Amino acid sequence: MSAYAPSKLLGQVLSANCPSREILEHITSKWSVLVLRCLSEGVHRFSELKQRIEGISEKMLAQTLKTLEKDGLILRTVYPVVPPKVEYQLTITGSQAAEKVIYLIRWIESSLPEIMENKVKTA
């Protein structure tokens, strides 16, 4: 049984002590959103993710992957070959999170003209 009773956590994200805040921060970081988006398309190697996500450093990608793996959102598979082969894929929970993130991305992209117009007005 989980150490956290879900019914006691619901609605507590505004509390400073709520453990869901840490997960929220992990999932909604810019780089995590982009990694989840890429992995929603299937299994990727580190180099593929680095190439697809423009602007991410190797250090930041490694850190993001490690965080998402610790949270149980991605699975890291290491193959015993030379040179080393490592692949990343979403877990079931990661797929569920990616689905929500993709919904947000689609909303942002479809609302972008209005958002940009409002940005210009307030500048």
PDB file of N, CA and C in Angstrom:
ATOM      1  N   MET A   1       0.844  -1.183   0.000  1.00  0.00           N
ATOM      2  CA  MET A   1       0.000   0.000   0.000  1.00  0.00           C
ATOM      3  C   MET A   1       0.887   1.244   0.000  1.00  0.00           C
ATOM      4  N   SER A   2       0.458   2.265  -0.715  1.00  0.00           N
ATOM      5  CA  SER A   2       1.219   3.498  -0.851  1.00  0.00           C
ATOM      6  C   SER A   2       1.320   4.230   0.480  1.00  0.00           C
ATOM      7  N   ALA A   3       2.427   4.938   0.667  1.00  0.00           N
ATOM      8  CA  ALA A   3       2.631   5.734   1.884  1.00  0.00           C
ATOM      9  C   ALA A   3       1.712   6.945   1.904  1.00  0.00           C
ATOM     10  N   TYR A   4       1.208   7.329   0.730  1.00  0.00           N
ATOM     11  CA  TYR A   4       0.337   8.491   0.629  1.00  0.00           C
ATOM     12  C   TYR A   4      -1.052   8.041   0.238  1.00  0.00           C
ATOM     13  N   ALA A   5      -2.037   8.408   1.031  1.00  0.00           N
ATOM     14  CA  ALA A   5      -3.419   8.075   0.702  1.00  0.00           C
ATOM     15  C   ALA A   5      -3.925   9.121  -0.285  1.00  0.00           C
ATOM     16  N   PRO A   6      -4.271   8.715  -1.529  1.00  0.00           N
ATOM     17  CA  PRO A   6      -4.700   9.682  -2.544  1.00  0.00           C
ATOM     18  C   PRO A   6      -5.819  10.607  -2.079  1.00  0.00           C
ATOM     19  N   SER A   7      -6.768  10.100  -1.334  1.00  0.00           N
ATOM     20  CA  SER A   7      -7.888  10.933  -0.895  1.00  0.00           C
ATOM     21  C   SER A   7      -7.434  12.068   0.017  1.00  0.00           C
ATOM     22  N   LYS A   8      -6.343  11.861   0.739  1.00  0.00           N
ATOM     23  CA  LYS A   8      -5.832  12.906   1.632  1.00  0.00           C
ATOM     24  C   LYS A   8      -5.006  13.942   0.880  1.00  0.00           C
ATOM     25  N   LEU A   9      -4.552  13.602  -0.332  1.00  0.00           N
ATOM     26  CA  LEU A   9      -3.719  14.522  -1.102  1.00  0.00           C
ATOM     27  C   LEU A   9      -4.520  15.398  -2.050  1.00  0.00           C
ATOM     28  N   LEU A  10      -5.687  14.926  -2.473  1.00  0.00           N
ATOM     29  CA  LEU A  10      -6.470  15.694  -3.436  1.00  0.00           C
ATOM     30  C   LEU A  10      -6.770  17.081  -2.916  1.00  0.00           C
ATOM     31  N   GLY A  11      -6.481  18.063  -3.739  1.00  0.00           N
ATOM     32  CA  GLY A  11      -6.764  19.449  -3.370  1.00  0.00           C
ATOM     33  C   GLY A  11      -5.738  20.067  -2.455  1.00  0.00           C
ATOM     34  N   GLN A  12      -4.642  19.369  -2.164  1.00  0.00           N
ATOM     35  CA  GLN A  12      -3.643  19.880  -1.232  1.00  0.00           C
ATOM     36  C   GLN A  12      -2.429  20.509  -1.918  1.00  0.00           C
ATOM     37  N   VAL A  13      -2.457  20.606  -3.243  1.00  0.00           N
ATOM     38  CA  VAL A  13      -1.299  21.115  -3.975  1.00  0.00           C
ATOM     39  C   VAL A  13      -0.942  22.549  -3.570  1.00  0.00           C
ATOM     40  N   LEU A  14      -1.872  23.271  -3.033  1.00  0.00           N
ATOM     41  CA  LEU A  14      -1.595  24.631  -2.578  1.00  0.00           C
ATOM     42  C   LEU A  14      -0.853  24.659  -1.245  1.00  0.00           C
ATOM     43  N   SER A  15      -0.818  23.518  -0.571  1.00  0.00           N
ATOM     44  CA  SER A  15      -0.105  23.407   0.694  1.00  0.00           C
ATOM     45  C   SER A  15       1.394  23.279   0.432  1.00  0.00           C
ATOM     46  N   ALA A  16       2.191  24.007   1.184  1.00  0.00           N
ATOM     47  CA  ALA A  16       3.650  23.973   1.011  1.00  0.00           C
ATOM     48  C   ALA A  16       4.225  22.584   1.256  1.00  0.00           C
ATOM     49  N   ASN A  17       3.554  21.770   2.040  1.00  0.00           N
ATOM     50  CA  ASN A  17       4.059  20.445   2.389  1.00  0.00           C
ATOM     51  C   ASN A  17       3.555  19.333   1.482  1.00  0.00           C
ATOM     52  N   CYS A  18       2.768  19.666   0.490  1.00  0.00           N
ATOM     53  CA  CYS A  18       2.184  18.644  -0.370  1.00  0.00           C
ATOM     54  C   CYS A  18       3.247  18.060  -1.302  1.00  0.00           C
ATOM     55  N   PRO A  19       3.435  16.737  -1.288  1.00  0.00           N
ATOM     56  CA  PRO A  19       4.458  16.123  -2.155  1.00  0.00           C
ATOM     57  C   PRO A  19       4.128  16.221  -3.644  1.00  0.00           C
ATOM     58  N   SER A  20       2.877  16.499  -3.972  1.00  0.00           N
ATOM     59  CA  SER A  20       2.524  16.621  -5.389  1.00  0.00           C
ATOM     60  C   SER A  20       3.155  17.858  -6.020  1.00  0.00           C
ATOM     61  N   ARG A  21       3.532  18.829  -5.209  1.00  0.00           N
ATOM     62  CA  ARG A  21       4.186  20.037  -5.748  1.00  0.00           C
ATOM     63  C   ARG A  21       5.492  19.700  -6.458  1.00  0.00           C
ATOM     64  N   GLU A  22       6.253  18.806  -5.872  1.00  0.00           N
ATOM     65  CA  GLU A  22       7.536  18.420  -6.465  1.00  0.00           C
ATOM     66  C   GLU A  22       7.306  17.747  -7.817  1.00  0.00           C
ATOM     67  N   ILE A  23       6.319  16.860  -7.894  1.00  0.00           N
ATOM     68  CA  ILE A  23       6.017  16.170  -9.146  1.00  0.00           C
ATOM     69  C   ILE A  23       5.488  17.163 -10.168  1.00  0.00           C
ATOM     70  N   LEU A  24       4.652  18.090  -9.736  1.00  0.00           N
ATOM     71  CA  LEU A  24       4.136  19.130 -10.624  1.00  0.00           C
ATOM     72  C   LEU A  24       5.293  19.935 -11.227  1.00  0.00           C
ATOM     73  N   GLU A  25       6.247  20.279 -10.388  1.00  0.00           N
ATOM     74  CA  GLU A  25       7.410  21.023 -10.863  1.00  0.00           C
ATOM     75  C   GLU A  25       8.211  20.208 -11.873  1.00  0.00           C
ATOM     76  N   HIS A  26       8.382  18.938 -11.606  1.00  0.00           N
ATOM     77  CA  HIS A  26       9.141  18.071 -12.518  1.00  0.00           C
ATOM     78  C   HIS A  26       8.450  17.954 -13.871  1.00  0.00           C
ATOM     79  N   ILE A  27       7.164  17.679 -13.867  1.00  0.00           N
ATOM     80  CA  ILE A  27       6.419  17.444 -15.109  1.00  0.00           C
ATOM     81  C   ILE A  27       6.279  18.718 -15.933  1.00  0.00           C
ATOM     82  N   THR A  28       6.134  19.865 -15.273  1.00  0.00           N
ATOM     83  CA  THR A  28       5.846  21.093 -16.009  1.00  0.00           C
ATOM     84  C   THR A  28       7.075  21.938 -16.322  1.00  0.00           C
ATOM     85  N   SER A  29       8.262  21.433 -16.030  1.00  0.00           N
ATOM     86  CA  SER A  29       9.439  22.198 -16.455  1.00  0.00           C
ATOM     87  C   SER A  29       9.482  22.177 -17.978  1.00  0.00           C
ATOM     88  N   LYS A  30      10.049  23.208 -18.560  1.00  0.00           N
ATOM     89  CA  LYS A  30      10.113  23.320 -20.028  1.00  0.00           C
ATOM     90  C   LYS A  30      10.706  22.068 -20.646  1.00  0.00           C
ATOM     91  N   TRP A  31      11.824  21.606 -20.100  1.00  0.00           N
ATOM     92  CA  TRP A  31      12.512  20.473 -20.708  1.00  0.00           C
ATOM     93  C   TRP A  31      11.738  19.175 -20.516  1.00  0.00           C
ATOM     94  N   SER A  32      11.119  18.996 -19.366  1.00  0.00           N
ATOM     95  CA  SER A  32      10.322  17.784 -19.136  1.00  0.00           C
ATOM     96  C   SER A  32       9.140  17.716 -20.089  1.00  0.00           C
ATOM     97  N   VAL A  33       8.487  18.840 -20.297  1.00  0.00           N
ATOM     98  CA  VAL A  33       7.360  18.885 -21.230  1.00  0.00           C
ATOM     99  C   VAL A  33       7.825  18.437 -22.615  1.00  0.00           C
ATOM    100  N   LEU A  34       8.971  18.927 -23.051  1.00  0.00           N
ATOM    101  CA  LEU A  34       9.469  18.590 -24.382  1.00  0.00           C
ATOM    102  C   LEU A  34       9.932  17.140 -24.472  1.00  0.00           C
ATOM    103  N   VAL A  35      10.531  16.617 -23.405  1.00  0.00           N
ATOM    104  CA  VAL A  35      10.930  15.209 -23.379  1.00  0.00           C
ATOM    105  C   VAL A  35       9.689  14.316 -23.421  1.00  0.00           C
ATOM    106  N   LEU A  36       8.696  14.629 -22.602  1.00  0.00           N
ATOM    107  CA  LEU A  36       7.454  13.840 -22.601  1.00  0.00           C
ATOM    108  C   LEU A  36       6.800  13.870 -23.973  1.00  0.00           C
ATOM    109  N   ARG A  37       6.813  15.029 -24.606  1.00  0.00           N
ATOM    110  CA  ARG A  37       6.244  15.178 -25.953  1.00  0.00           C
ATOM    111  C   ARG A  37       6.955  14.255 -26.941  1.00  0.00           C
ATOM    112  N   CYS A  38       8.276  14.256 -26.918  1.00  0.00           N
ATOM    113  CA  CYS A  38       9.057  13.399 -27.828  1.00  0.00           C
ATOM    114  C   CYS A  38       8.814  11.919 -27.547  1.00  0.00           C
ATOM    115  N   LEU A  39       8.863  11.538 -26.279  1.00  0.00           N
ATOM    116  CA  LEU A  39       8.714  10.132 -25.937  1.00  0.00           C
ATOM    117  C   LEU A  39       7.292   9.626 -26.151  1.00  0.00           C
ATOM    118  N   SER A  40       6.334  10.544 -26.290  1.00  0.00           N
ATOM    119  CA  SER A  40       4.954  10.111 -26.579  1.00  0.00           C
ATOM    120  C   SER A  40       4.866   9.469 -27.957  1.00  0.00           C
ATOM    121  N   GLU A  41       5.870   9.732 -28.790  1.00  0.00           N
ATOM    122  CA  GLU A  41       5.909   9.162 -30.141  1.00  0.00           C
ATOM    123  C   GLU A  41       6.576   7.791 -30.174  1.00  0.00           C
ATOM    124  N   GLY A  42       7.195   7.385 -29.064  1.00  0.00           N
ATOM    125  CA  GLY A  42       7.840   6.076 -29.018  1.00  0.00           C
ATOM    126  C   GLY A  42       9.206   6.121 -28.359  1.00  0.00           C
ATOM    127  N   VAL A  43       9.909   5.021 -28.472  1.00  0.00           N
ATOM    128  CA  VAL A  43      11.225   4.848 -27.851  1.00  0.00           C
ATOM    129  C   VAL A  43      12.252   5.729 -28.564  1.00  0.00           C
ATOM    130  N   HIS A  44      13.106   6.375 -27.756  1.00  0.00           N
ATOM    131  CA  HIS A  44      14.173   7.217 -28.307  1.00  0.00           C
ATOM    132  C   HIS A  44      15.470   6.972 -27.550  1.00  0.00           C
ATOM    133  N   ARG A  45      16.565   7.153 -28.248  1.00  0.00           N
ATOM    134  CA  ARG A  45      17.880   7.131 -27.621  1.00  0.00           C
ATOM    135  C   ARG A  45      18.224   8.558 -27.210  1.00  0.00           C
ATOM    136  N   PHE A  46      19.216   8.687 -26.330  1.00  0.00           N
ATOM    137  CA  PHE A  46      19.635   9.988 -25.821  1.00  0.00           C
ATOM    138  C   PHE A  46      19.963  10.932 -26.974  1.00  0.00           C
ATOM    139  N   SER A  47      20.755  10.449 -27.913  1.00  0.00           N
ATOM    140  CA  SER A  47      21.191  11.301 -29.029  1.00  0.00           C
ATOM    141  C   SER A  47      20.008  11.770 -29.879  1.00  0.00           C
ATOM    142  N   GLU A  48      18.990  10.928 -30.011  1.00  0.00           N
ATOM    143  CA  GLU A  48      17.794  11.314 -30.776  1.00  0.00           C
ATOM    144  C   GLU A  48      17.040  12.425 -30.060  1.00  0.00           C
ATOM    145  N   LEU A  49      16.918  12.295 -28.743  1.00  0.00           N
ATOM    146  CA  LEU A  49      16.238  13.333 -27.969  1.00  0.00           C
ATOM    147  C   LEU A  49      17.013  14.645 -28.043  1.00  0.00           C
ATOM    148  N   LYS A  50      18.330  14.545 -27.907  1.00  0.00           N
ATOM    149  CA  LYS A  50      19.182  15.742 -27.967  1.00  0.00           C
ATOM    150  C   LYS A  50      19.030  16.449 -29.310  1.00  0.00           C
ATOM    151  N   GLN A  51      18.938  15.671 -30.372  1.00  0.00           N
ATOM    152  CA  GLN A  51      18.800  16.242 -31.712  1.00  0.00           C
ATOM    153  C   GLN A  51      17.414  16.852 -31.913  1.00  0.00           C
ATOM    154  N   ARG A  52      16.376  16.220 -31.399  1.00  0.00           N
ATOM    155  CA  ARG A  52      15.007  16.691 -31.617  1.00  0.00           C
ATOM    156  C   ARG A  52      14.656  17.915 -30.789  1.00  0.00           C
ATOM    157  N   ILE A  53      15.197  18.002 -29.580  1.00  0.00           N
ATOM    158  CA  ILE A  53      14.840  19.104 -28.675  1.00  0.00           C
ATOM    159  C   ILE A  53      15.888  20.201 -28.813  1.00  0.00           C
ATOM    160  N   GLU A  54      15.627  21.135 -29.683  1.00  0.00           N
ATOM    161  CA  GLU A  54      16.584  22.213 -29.942  1.00  0.00           C
ATOM    162  C   GLU A  54      16.828  23.035 -28.683  1.00  0.00           C
ATOM    163  N   GLY A  55      18.103  23.324 -28.441  1.00  0.00           N
ATOM    164  CA  GLY A  55      18.470  24.206 -27.338  1.00  0.00           C
ATOM    165  C   GLY A  55      18.766  23.511 -26.022  1.00  0.00           C
ATOM    166  N   ILE A  56      18.484  22.213 -25.913  1.00  0.00           N
ATOM    167  CA  ILE A  56      18.754  21.528 -24.644  1.00  0.00           C
ATOM    168  C   ILE A  56      20.211  21.067 -24.621  1.00  0.00           C
ATOM    169  N   SER A  57      20.870  21.290 -23.499  1.00  0.00           N
ATOM    170  CA  SER A  57      22.251  20.829 -23.356  1.00  0.00           C
ATOM    171  C   SER A  57      22.244  19.351 -22.958  1.00  0.00           C
ATOM    172  N   GLU A  58      23.363  18.690 -23.165  1.00  0.00           N
ATOM    173  CA  GLU A  58      23.472  17.283 -22.762  1.00  0.00           C
ATOM    174  C   GLU A  58      23.251  17.140 -21.261  1.00  0.00           C
ATOM    175  N   LYS A  59      23.817  18.071 -20.501  1.00  0.00           N
ATOM    176  CA  LYS A  59      23.674  18.026 -19.040  1.00  0.00           C
ATOM    177  C   LYS A  59      22.206  18.158 -18.633  1.00  0.00           C
ATOM    178  N   MET A  60      21.488  19.100 -19.234  1.00  0.00           N
ATOM    179  CA  MET A  60      20.087  19.313 -18.884  1.00  0.00           C
ATOM    180  C   MET A  60      19.228  18.129 -19.313  1.00  0.00           C
ATOM    181  N   LEU A  61      19.522  17.559 -20.483  1.00  0.00           N
ATOM    182  CA  LEU A  61      18.771  16.392 -20.939  1.00  0.00           C
ATOM    183  C   LEU A  61      18.989  15.220 -19.988  1.00  0.00           C
ATOM    184  N   ALA A  62      20.240  14.969 -19.619  1.00  0.00           N
ATOM    185  CA  ALA A  62      20.549  13.869 -18.696  1.00  0.00           C
ATOM    186  C   ALA A  62      19.845  14.071 -17.359  1.00  0.00           C
ATOM    187  N   GLN A  63      19.872  15.291 -16.854  1.00  0.00           N
ATOM    188  CA  GLN A  63      19.230  15.619 -15.578  1.00  0.00           C
ATOM    189  C   GLN A  63      17.717  15.429 -15.668  1.00  0.00           C
ATOM    190  N   THR A  64      17.117  15.886 -16.761  1.00  0.00           N
ATOM    191  CA  THR A  64      15.672  15.771 -16.949  1.00  0.00           C
ATOM    192  C   THR A  64      15.266  14.308 -17.045  1.00  0.00           C
ATOM    193  N   LEU A  65      16.009  13.527 -17.813  1.00  0.00           N
ATOM    194  CA  LEU A  65      15.704  12.102 -17.951  1.00  0.00           C
ATOM    195  C   LEU A  65      15.815  11.387 -16.609  1.00  0.00           C
ATOM    196  N   LYS A  66      16.835  11.726 -15.841  1.00  0.00           N
ATOM    197  CA  LYS A  66      17.034  11.106 -14.530  1.00  0.00           C
ATOM    198  C   LYS A  66      15.868  11.441 -13.590  1.00  0.00           C
ATOM    199  N   THR A  67      15.433  12.688 -13.604  1.00  0.00           N
ATOM    200  CA  THR A  67      14.314  13.108 -12.754  1.00  0.00           C
ATOM    201  C   THR A  67      13.032  12.385 -13.139  1.00  0.00           C
ATOM    202  N   LEU A  68      12.741  12.337 -14.435  1.00  0.00           N
ATOM    203  CA  LEU A  68      11.524  11.673 -14.897  1.00  0.00           C
ATOM    204  C   LEU A  68      11.573  10.169 -14.630  1.00  0.00           C
ATOM    205  N   GLU A  69      12.768   9.589 -14.695  1.00  0.00           N
ATOM    206  CA  GLU A  69      12.916   8.168 -14.383  1.00  0.00           C
ATOM    207  C   GLU A  69      12.657   7.923 -12.892  1.00  0.00           C
ATOM    208  N   LYS A  70      13.219   8.771 -12.037  1.00  0.00           N
ATOM    209  CA  LYS A  70      13.000   8.629 -10.587  1.00  0.00           C
ATOM    210  C   LYS A  70      11.531   8.760 -10.225  1.00  0.00           C
ATOM    211  N   ASP A  71      10.813   9.600 -10.967  1.00  0.00           N
ATOM    212  CA  ASP A  71       9.385   9.797 -10.712  1.00  0.00           C
ATOM    213  C   ASP A  71       8.534   8.671 -11.308  1.00  0.00           C
ATOM    214  N   GLY A  72       9.171   7.751 -12.015  1.00  0.00           N
ATOM    215  CA  GLY A  72       8.442   6.627 -12.598  1.00  0.00           C
ATOM    216  C   GLY A  72       7.699   6.960 -13.872  1.00  0.00           C
ATOM    217  N   LEU A  73       8.107   8.041 -14.545  1.00  0.00           N
ATOM    218  CA  LEU A  73       7.418   8.455 -15.769  1.00  0.00           C
ATOM    219  C   LEU A  73       8.087   7.905 -17.026  1.00  0.00           C
ATOM    220  N   ILE A  74       9.368   7.606 -16.920  1.00  0.00           N
ATOM    221  CA  ILE A  74      10.056   7.007 -18.070  1.00  0.00           C
ATOM    222  C   ILE A  74      10.844   5.783 -17.617  1.00  0.00           C
ATOM    223  N   LEU A  75      11.057   4.903 -18.567  1.00  0.00           N
ATOM    224  CA  LEU A  75      11.835   3.697 -18.344  1.00  0.00           C
ATOM    225  C   LEU A  75      13.122   3.817 -19.146  1.00  0.00           C
ATOM    226  N   ARG A  76      14.241   3.582 -18.493  1.00  0.00           N
ATOM    227  CA  ARG A  76      15.557   3.622 -19.125  1.00  0.00           C
ATOM    228  C   ARG A  76      16.026   2.189 -19.279  1.00  0.00           C
ATOM    229  N   THR A  77      16.299   1.794 -20.518  1.00  0.00           N
ATOM    230  CA  THR A  77      16.761   0.435 -20.793  1.00  0.00           C
ATOM    231  C   THR A  77      18.191   0.491 -21.324  1.00  0.00           C
ATOM    232  N   VAL A  78      19.098  -0.205 -20.636  1.00  0.00           N
ATOM    233  CA  VAL A  78      20.495  -0.268 -21.032  1.00  0.00           C
ATOM    234  C   VAL A  78      20.753  -1.652 -21.616  1.00  0.00           C
ATOM    235  N   TYR A  79      21.276  -1.671 -22.828  1.00  0.00           N
ATOM    236  CA  TYR A  79      21.589  -2.931 -23.494  1.00  0.00           C
ATOM    237  C   TYR A  79      23.065  -3.256 -23.311  1.00  0.00           C
ATOM    238  N   PRO A  80      23.396  -4.519 -23.020  1.00  0.00           N
ATOM    239  CA  PRO A  80      24.795  -4.910 -22.784  1.00  0.00           C
ATOM    240  C   PRO A  80      25.564  -5.109 -24.093  1.00  0.00           C
ATOM    241  N   VAL A  81      25.778  -4.015 -24.793  1.00  0.00           N
ATOM    242  CA  VAL A  81      26.502  -4.059 -26.066  1.00  0.00           C
ATOM    243  C   VAL A  81      27.586  -2.978 -26.068  1.00  0.00           C
ATOM    244  N   VAL A  82      28.516  -3.122 -26.993  1.00  0.00           N
ATOM    245  CA  VAL A  82      29.564  -2.117 -27.174  1.00  0.00           C
ATOM    246  C   VAL A  82      29.441  -1.610 -28.603  1.00  0.00           C
ATOM    247  N   PRO A  83      29.320  -0.307 -28.814  1.00  0.00           N
ATOM    248  CA  PRO A  83      29.216   0.752 -27.792  1.00  0.00           C
ATOM    249  C   PRO A  83      27.887   0.662 -27.051  1.00  0.00           C
ATOM    250  N   PRO A  84      27.829   1.274 -25.868  1.00  0.00           N
ATOM    251  CA  PRO A  84      26.619   1.200 -25.052  1.00  0.00           C
ATOM    252  C   PRO A  84      25.375   1.703 -25.800  1.00  0.00           C
ATOM    253  N   LYS A  85      24.279   1.043 -25.572  1.00  0.00           N
ATOM    254  CA  LYS A  85      23.002   1.452 -26.170  1.00  0.00           C
ATOM    255  C   LYS A  85      21.998   1.622 -25.035  1.00  0.00           C
ATOM    256  N   VAL A  86      21.424   2.831 -24.944  1.00  0.00           N
ATOM    257  CA  VAL A  86      20.436   3.147 -23.919  1.00  0.00           C
ATOM    258  C   VAL A  86      19.210   3.719 -24.615  1.00  0.00           C
ATOM    259  N   GLU A  87      18.049   3.216 -24.234  1.00  0.00           N
ATOM    260  CA  GLU A  87      16.799   3.721 -24.807  1.00  0.00           C
ATOM    261  C   GLU A  87      15.876   4.193 -23.689  1.00  0.00           C
ATOM    262  N   TYR A  88      15.047   5.165 -24.041  1.00  0.00           N
ATOM    263  CA  TYR A  88      14.089   5.737 -23.100  1.00  0.00           C
ATOM    264  C   TYR A  88      12.691   5.606 -23.677  1.00  0.00           C
ATOM    265  N   GLN A  89      11.743   5.278 -22.803  1.00  0.00           N
ATOM    266  CA  GLN A  89      10.348   5.207 -23.220  1.00  0.00           C
ATOM    267  C   GLN A  89       9.460   5.568 -22.034  1.00  0.00           C
ATOM    268  N   LEU A  90       8.233   5.927 -22.336  1.00  0.00           N
ATOM    269  CA  LEU A  90       7.288   6.290 -21.286  1.00  0.00           C
ATOM    270  C   LEU A  90       6.765   5.042 -20.587  1.00  0.00           C
ATOM    271  N   THR A  91       6.539   5.166 -19.285  1.00  0.00           N
ATOM    272  CA  THR A  91       5.810   4.143 -18.543  1.00  0.00           C
ATOM    273  C   THR A  91       4.322   4.422 -18.756  1.00  0.00           C
ATOM    274  N   ILE A  92       3.470   3.606 -18.200  1.00  0.00           N
ATOM    275  CA  ILE A  92       2.025   3.861 -18.309  1.00  0.00           C
ATOM    276  C   ILE A  92       1.691   5.210 -17.673  1.00  0.00           C
ATOM    277  N   THR A  93       2.249   5.466 -16.503  1.00  0.00           N
ATOM    278  CA  THR A  93       2.013   6.752 -15.829  1.00  0.00           C
ATOM    279  C   THR A  93       2.583   7.897 -16.656  1.00  0.00           C
ATOM    280  N   GLY A  94       3.743   7.680 -17.242  1.00  0.00           N
ATOM    281  CA  GLY A  94       4.350   8.689 -18.104  1.00  0.00           C
ATOM    282  C   GLY A  94       3.506   8.975 -19.326  1.00  0.00           C
ATOM    283  N   SER A  95       2.901   7.943 -19.901  1.00  0.00           N
ATOM    284  CA  SER A  95       2.002   8.122 -21.051  1.00  0.00           C
ATOM    285  C   SER A  95       0.786   8.956 -20.667  1.00  0.00           C
ATOM    286  N   GLN A  96       0.281   8.721 -19.479  1.00  0.00           N
ATOM    287  CA  GLN A  96      -0.867   9.505 -19.005  1.00  0.00           C
ATOM    288  C   GLN A  96      -0.476  10.964 -18.810  1.00  0.00           C
ATOM    289  N   ALA A  97       0.700  11.196 -18.237  1.00  0.00           N
ATOM    290  CA  ALA A  97       1.183  12.572 -18.050  1.00  0.00           C
ATOM    291  C   ALA A  97       1.426  13.235 -19.403  1.00  0.00           C
ATOM    292  N   ALA A  98       2.038  12.504 -20.340  1.00  0.00           N
ATOM    293  CA  ALA A  98       2.321  13.051 -21.666  1.00  0.00           C
ATOM    294  C   ALA A  98       1.037  13.442 -22.381  1.00  0.00           C
ATOM    295  N   GLU A  99       0.009  12.653 -22.207  1.00  0.00           N
ATOM    296  CA  GLU A  99      -1.287  12.962 -22.830  1.00  0.00           C
ATOM    297  C   GLU A  99      -1.798  14.326 -22.363  1.00  0.00           C
ATOM    298  N   LYS A 100      -1.670  14.593 -21.079  1.00  0.00           N
ATOM    299  CA  LYS A 100      -2.118  15.885 -20.525  1.00  0.00           C
ATOM    300  C   LYS A 100      -1.229  17.024 -21.014  1.00  0.00           C
ATOM    301  N   VAL A 101       0.074  16.781 -21.062  1.00  0.00           N
ATOM    302  CA  VAL A 101       1.027  17.789 -21.522  1.00  0.00           C
ATOM    303  C   VAL A 101       0.763  18.131 -22.993  1.00  0.00           C
ATOM    304  N   ILE A 102       0.506  17.117 -23.806  1.00  0.00           N
ATOM    305  CA  ILE A 102       0.232  17.334 -25.229  1.00  0.00           C
ATOM    306  C   ILE A 102      -1.054  18.139 -25.405  1.00  0.00           C
ATOM    307  N   TYR A 103      -2.033  17.883 -24.568  1.00  0.00           N
ATOM    308  CA  TYR A 103      -3.271  18.668 -24.610  1.00  0.00           C
ATOM    309  C   TYR A 103      -2.948  20.145 -24.354  1.00  0.00           C
ATOM    310  N   LEU A 104      -2.101  20.413 -23.360  1.00  0.00           N
ATOM    311  CA  LEU A 104      -1.701  21.793 -23.049  1.00  0.00           C
ATOM    312  C   LEU A 104      -0.917  22.401 -24.210  1.00  0.00           C
ATOM    313  N   ILE A 105       0.001  21.642 -24.796  1.00  0.00           N
ATOM    314  CA  ILE A 105       0.784  22.126 -25.937  1.00  0.00           C
ATOM    315  C   ILE A 105      -0.142  22.499 -27.097  1.00  0.00           C
ATOM    316  N   ARG A 106      -1.112  21.647 -27.379  1.00  0.00           N
ATOM    317  CA  ARG A 106      -2.047  21.922 -28.480  1.00  0.00           C
ATOM    318  C   ARG A 106      -2.862  23.179 -28.199  1.00  0.00           C
ATOM    319  N   TRP A 107      -3.269  23.370 -26.950  1.00  0.00           N
ATOM    320  CA  TRP A 107      -4.025  24.578 -26.597  1.00  0.00           C
ATOM    321  C   TRP A 107      -3.143  25.813 -26.804  1.00  0.00           C
ATOM    322  N   ILE A 108      -1.893  25.738 -26.339  1.00  0.00           N
ATOM    323  CA  ILE A 108      -0.973  26.876 -26.510  1.00  0.00           C
ATOM    324  C   ILE A 108      -0.792  27.184 -27.985  1.00  0.00           C
ATOM    325  N   GLU A 109      -0.534  26.153 -28.791  1.00  0.00           N
ATOM    326  CA  GLU A 109      -0.302  26.367 -30.217  1.00  0.00           C
ATOM    327  C   GLU A 109      -1.527  26.939 -30.912  1.00  0.00           C
ATOM    328  N   SER A 110      -2.723  26.471 -30.562  1.00  0.00           N
ATOM    329  CA  SER A 110      -3.931  26.995 -31.210  1.00  0.00           C
ATOM    330  C   SER A 110      -4.287  28.396 -30.706  1.00  0.00           C
ATOM    331  N   SER A 111      -3.869  28.726 -29.500  1.00  0.00           N
ATOM    332  CA  SER A 111      -4.156  30.050 -28.923  1.00  0.00           C
ATOM    333  C   SER A 111      -3.035  31.051 -29.159  1.00  0.00           C
ATOM    334  N   LEU A 112      -1.964  30.614 -29.780  1.00  0.00           N
ATOM    335  CA  LEU A 112      -0.785  31.459 -29.943  1.00  0.00           C
ATOM    336  C   LEU A 112      -1.051  32.793 -30.640  1.00  0.00           C
ATOM    337  N   PRO A 113      -1.845  32.822 -31.727  1.00  0.00           N
ATOM    338  CA  PRO A 113      -2.090  34.134 -32.352  1.00  0.00           C
ATOM    339  C   PRO A 113      -2.708  35.147 -31.375  1.00  0.00           C
ATOM    340  N   GLU A 114      -3.693  34.704 -30.617  1.00  0.00           N
ATOM    341  CA  GLU A 114      -4.338  35.595 -29.648  1.00  0.00           C
ATOM    342  C   GLU A 114      -3.371  35.984 -28.532  1.00  0.00           C
ATOM    343  N   ILE A 115      -2.600  35.041 -28.050  1.00  0.00           N
ATOM    344  CA  ILE A 115      -1.636  35.311 -26.989  1.00  0.00           C
ATOM    345  C   ILE A 115      -0.599  36.332 -27.475  1.00  0.00           C
ATOM    346  N   MET A 116      -0.086  36.109 -28.679  1.00  0.00           N
ATOM    347  CA  MET A 116       0.929  37.022 -29.220  1.00  0.00           C
ATOM    348  C   MET A 116       0.344  38.429 -29.448  1.00  0.00           C
ATOM    349  N   GLU A 117      -0.899  38.478 -29.892  1.00  0.00           N
ATOM    350  CA  GLU A 117      -1.557  39.776 -30.104  1.00  0.00           C
ATOM    351  C   GLU A 117      -1.682  40.511 -28.771  1.00  0.00           C
ATOM    352  N   ASN A 118      -2.065  39.798 -27.714  1.00  0.00           N
ATOM    353  CA  ASN A 118      -2.184  40.403 -26.385  1.00  0.00           C
ATOM    354  C   ASN A 118      -0.820  40.833 -25.839  1.00  0.00           C
ATOM    355  N   LYS A 119       0.213  40.064 -26.139  1.00  0.00           N
ATOM    356  CA  LYS A 119       1.558  40.433 -25.711  1.00  0.00           C
ATOM    357  C   LYS A 119       1.989  41.752 -26.334  1.00  0.00           C
ATOM    358  N   VAL A 120       1.680  41.930 -27.614  1.00  0.00           N
ATOM    359  CA  VAL A 120       2.048  43.157 -28.319  1.00  0.00           C
ATOM    360  C   VAL A 120       1.307  44.341 -27.729  1.00  0.00           C
ATOM    361  N   LYS A 121       0.030  44.162 -27.406  1.00  0.00           N
ATOM    362  CA  LYS A 121      -0.791  45.241 -26.847  1.00  0.00           C
ATOM    363  C   LYS A 121      -0.263  45.723 -25.503  1.00  0.00           C
ATOM    364  N   THR A 122       0.280  44.792 -24.699  1.00  0.00           N
ATOM    365  CA  THR A 122       0.721  45.153 -23.349  1.00  0.00           C
ATOM    366  C   THR A 122       2.191  45.562 -23.302  1.00  0.00           C
ATOM    367  N   ALA A 123       2.880  45.444 -24.419  1.00  0.00           N
ATOM    368  CA  ALA A 123       4.318  45.787 -24.437  1.00  0.00           C
ATOM    369  C   ALA A 123       4.542  47.286 -24.471  1.00  0.00           C
TER     370      ALA A 123
END
